[in-house]
C-alpha atoms as a PDB file:
ATOM      1  CA  MET A   1      21.478  17.121  11.443  1.00  0.00           C
ATOM      2  CA  SER A   2      21.717  20.818  12.121  1.00  0.00           C
ATOM      3  CA  ILE A   3      21.830  23.671   9.922  1.00  0.00           C
ATOM      4  CA  GLY A   4      25.552  24.092  10.156  1.00  0.00           C
ATOM      5  CA  GLU A   5      26.433  20.399   9.670  1.00  0.00           C
ATOM      6  CA  ALA A   6      24.001  20.762   6.169  1.00  0.00           C
ATOM      7  CA  ALA A   7      25.653  23.673   5.316  1.00  0.00           C
ATOM      8  CA  CYS A   8      28.932  22.221   5.467  1.00  0.00           C
ATOM      9  CA  SER A   9      28.001  19.220   3.625  1.00  0.00           C
ATOM     10  CA  TYR A  10      26.661  21.263   0.857  1.00  0.00           C
ATOM     11  CA  ALA A  11      29.952  23.250   0.561  1.00  0.00           C
ATOM     12  CA  VAL A  12      32.062  20.094   0.341  1.00  0.00           C
ATOM     13  CA  MET A  13      30.339  18.575  -2.128  1.00  0.00           C
ATOM     14  CA  ILE A  14      30.370  21.735  -4.250  1.00  0.00           C
ATOM     15  CA  LEU A  15      33.977  21.914  -3.739  1.00  0.00           C
ATOM     16  CA  ASN A  16      34.694  18.466  -4.566  1.00  0.00           C
ATOM     17  CA  GLU A  17      32.493  18.869  -7.773  1.00  0.00           C
ATOM     18  CA  ASP A  18      34.621  21.443  -8.897  1.00  0.00           C
ATOM     19  CA  GLY A  19      37.874  19.708  -8.476  1.00  0.00           C
ATOM     20  CA  ILE A  20      38.561  22.374  -5.730  1.00  0.00           C
ATOM     21  CA  PRO A  21      41.004  20.618  -2.759  1.00  0.00           C
ATOM     22  CA  VAL A  22      38.490  21.102   0.697  1.00  0.00           C
ATOM     23  CA  THR A  23      39.549  22.905   3.617  1.00  0.00           C
ATOM     24  CA  SER A  24      38.361  24.864   6.419  1.00  0.00           C
ATOM     25  CA  GLU A  25      38.754  28.071   5.065  1.00  0.00           C
ATOM     26  CA  LYS A  26      36.972  27.265   1.970  1.00  0.00           C
ATOM     27  CA  ILE A  27      33.959  25.745   3.512  1.00  0.00           C
ATOM     28  CA  SER A  28      33.856  28.811   5.496  1.00  0.00           C
ATOM     29  CA  THR A  29      33.630  30.966   2.617  1.00  0.00           C
ATOM     30  CA  LEU A  30      31.274  28.956   0.646  1.00  0.00           C
ATOM     31  CA  VAL A  31      28.558  28.976   4.091  1.00  0.00           C
ATOM     32  CA  LYS A  32      29.296  33.165   4.660  1.00  0.00           C
ATOM     33  CA  ALA A  33      28.415  33.444   0.964  1.00  0.00           C
ATOM     34  CA  ALA A  34      25.300  31.105   1.500  1.00  0.00           C
ATOM     35  CA  LYS A  35      24.393  33.875   4.337  1.00  0.00           C
ATOM     36  CA  VAL A  36      24.355  30.678   6.522  1.00  0.00           C
ATOM     37  CA  LYS A  37      25.746  31.215  10.169  1.00  0.00           C
ATOM     38  CA  VAL A  38      27.482  28.067  11.429  1.00  0.00           C
ATOM     39  CA  GLU A  39      29.537  27.399  14.596  1.00  0.00           C
ATOM     40  CA  PRO A  40      33.396  27.401  13.995  1.00  0.00           C
ATOM     41  CA  TYR A  41      34.152  23.959  14.928  1.00  0.00           C
ATOM     42  CA  TRP A  42      31.900  22.670  11.791  1.00  0.00           C
ATOM     43  CA  PRO A  43      34.212  23.749   8.564  1.00  0.00           C
ATOM     44  CA  ILE A  44      37.139  22.284  10.416  1.00  0.00           C
ATOM     45  CA  LEU A  45      35.499  18.962  11.393  1.00  0.00           C
ATOM     46  CA  PHE A  46      34.210  18.547   7.350  1.00  0.00           C
ATOM     47  CA  ALA A  47      37.849  19.378   6.185  1.00  0.00           C
ATOM     48  CA  LYS A  48      39.523  16.798   8.527  1.00  0.00           C
ATOM     49  CA  LEU A  49      36.621  14.249   7.694  1.00  0.00           C
ATOM     50  CA  ALA A  50      37.898  15.274   3.704  1.00  0.00           C
ATOM     51  CA  GLU A  51      41.287  14.493   4.349  1.00  0.00           C
ATOM     52  CA  LYS A  52      40.838  11.225   5.473  1.00  0.00           C
ATOM     53  CA  ARG A  53      38.158   9.807   3.590  1.00  0.00           C
ATOM     54  CA  SER A  54      37.318  10.656  -0.563  1.00  0.00           C
ATOM     55  CA  ILE A  55      34.377  12.196  -0.499  1.00  0.00           C
ATOM     56  CA  ALA A  56      33.429  11.052  -3.951  1.00  0.00           C
ATOM     57  CA  ASP A  57      33.440   7.367  -2.267  1.00  0.00           C
ATOM     58  CA  LEU A  58      31.457   8.429   0.860  1.00  0.00           C
ATOM     59  CA  LEU A  59      28.667  10.196  -1.714  1.00  0.00           C
ATOM     60  CA  SER A  60      28.564   7.022  -3.898  1.00  0.00           C
ATOM     61  CA  ASN A  61      28.011   4.541  -0.553  1.00  0.00           C
ATOM     62  CA  VAL A  62      25.328   7.026   0.923  1.00  0.00           C
ATOM     63  CA  GLY A  63      22.318   3.906   0.474  1.00  0.00           C
ATOM     64  CA  ALA A  64      24.669   1.308   1.556  1.00  0.00           C
ATOM     65  CA  GLY A  65      23.900   0.523   4.945  1.00  0.00           C
ATOM     66  CA  GLY A  66      25.878  -0.793   7.594  1.00  0.00           C
ATOM     67  CA  GLY A  67      23.983  -3.851   7.979  1.00  0.00           C
ATOM     68  CA  GLY A  68      25.232  -7.042   9.464  1.00  0.00           C
ATOM     69  CA  ALA A  69      28.050  -9.517   8.188  1.00  0.00           C
ATOM     70  CA  PRO A  70      26.290 -11.823   5.147  1.00  0.00           C
ATOM     71  CA  VAL A  71      25.671 -14.851   6.629  1.00  0.00           C
ATOM     72  CA  ALA A  72      27.436 -18.258   5.737  1.00  0.00           C
ATOM     73  CA  ALA A  73      25.576 -21.118   4.182  1.00  0.00           C
ATOM     74  CA  ALA A  74      25.884 -24.066   6.702  1.00  0.00           C
ATOM     75  CA  ALA A  75      27.923 -26.887   5.734  1.00  0.00           C
ATOM     76  CA  PRO A  76      25.977 -30.087   4.793  1.00  0.00           C
ATOM     77  CA  ALA A  77      26.060 -33.146   7.174  1.00  0.00           C
ATOM     78  CA  GLY A  78      27.170 -36.191   6.528  1.00  0.00           C
ATOM     79  CA  GLY A  79      30.815 -34.911   4.938  1.00  0.00           C
ATOM     80  CA  GLY A  80      30.177 -37.138   1.882  1.00  0.00           C
ATOM     81  CA  GLY A  81      32.301 -34.833  -0.169  1.00  0.00           C
ATOM     82  CA  GLY A  82      32.065 -34.304  -3.792  1.00  0.00           C
ATOM     83  CA  ALA A  83      30.023 -32.042  -6.367  1.00  0.00           C
ATOM     84  CA  ALA A  84      26.394 -32.287  -4.541  1.00  0.00           C
ATOM     85  CA  PRO A  85      27.045 -30.307  -1.255  1.00  0.00           C
ATOM     86  CA  ALA A  86      28.844 -27.845  -3.049  1.00  0.00           C
ATOM     87  CA  ALA A  87      26.142 -27.451  -5.288  1.00  0.00           C
ATOM     88  CA  ALA A  88      23.728 -27.589  -2.810  1.00  0.00           C
ATOM     89  CA  ALA A  89      25.661 -24.252  -0.818  1.00  0.00           C
ATOM     90  CA  ALA A  90      25.968 -22.344  -4.328  1.00  0.00           C
ATOM     91  CA  ALA A  91      22.130 -22.881  -4.271  1.00  0.00           C
ATOM     92  CA  ALA A  92      21.389 -21.588  -1.075  1.00  0.00           C
ATOM     93  CA  PRO A  93      22.228 -17.974  -1.285  1.00  0.00           C
ATOM     94  CA  ALA A  94      20.881 -17.738  -4.712  1.00  0.00           C
ATOM     95  CA  ALA A  95      17.087 -18.461  -3.068  1.00  0.00           C
ATOM     96  CA  GLU A  96      18.172 -15.654  -0.302  1.00  0.00           C
ATOM     97  CA  GLU A  97      18.297 -13.135  -2.812  1.00  0.00           C
ATOM     98  CA  LYS A  98      15.104 -14.032  -4.030  1.00  0.00           C
ATOM     99  CA  LYS A  99      12.750 -12.053  -1.694  1.00  0.00           C
ATOM    100  CA  GLU A 100       9.074 -11.075  -2.721  1.00  0.00           C
ATOM    101  CA  GLU A 101       8.292  -7.537  -2.125  1.00  0.00           C
ATOM    102  CA  PRO A 102       5.405  -6.764   0.367  1.00  0.00           C
ATOM    103  CA  GLN A 103       2.227  -5.850  -1.457  1.00  0.00           C
ATOM    104  CA  GLU A 104       0.945  -2.100  -0.110  1.00  0.00           C
ATOM    105  CA  GLU A 105      -2.214  -3.009   1.963  1.00  0.00           C
ATOM    106  CA  SER A 106      -5.243  -0.574   1.567  1.00  0.00           C
ATOM    107  CA  ASP A 107      -7.871   0.013   4.021  1.00  0.00           C
ATOM    108  CA  ASP A 108     -10.279  -2.500   2.963  1.00  0.00           C
ATOM    109  CA  ASP A 109      -7.373  -5.225   3.519  1.00  0.00           C
ATOM    110  CA  MET A 110      -7.041  -3.861   6.854  1.00  0.00           C
ATOM    111  CA  GLY A 111     -11.121  -4.261   8.017  1.00  0.00           C
ATOM    112  CA  PHE A 112     -11.292  -0.827   8.445  1.00  0.00           C
ATOM    113  CA  SER A 113     -11.862   2.771   6.597  1.00  0.00           C
ATOM    114  CA  LEU A 114     -11.384   6.109   7.590  1.00  0.00           C
ATOM    115  CA  PHE A 115     -15.251   6.929   7.171  1.00  0.00           C
ATOM    116  CA  ASP A 116     -16.834   3.771   8.685  1.00  0.00           C
END
């Protein structure tokens, strides 16, 4: 991220927090007040983004990755119907959610040390 992008990002967040409409002029004013020089196109780009997207939504979804689509559970073979296949399909996603976190490895676990 360039300095211009960072400065404009902070300006947009400040304007949004104060409930002030985000415009390229207001972004430029804040950036100039911070004594940061940016290319003239950055405030315009950030203002256009603020017109199309809710800044609050963008900020609340910062950590949400754009990963792949969720994997659907496979239908059980045999087509017997009834409650058992539905229960098996419901239990499969619950089992996937419980994943163990990897344990941190120390130098001793890896078989070498800084001072060997």
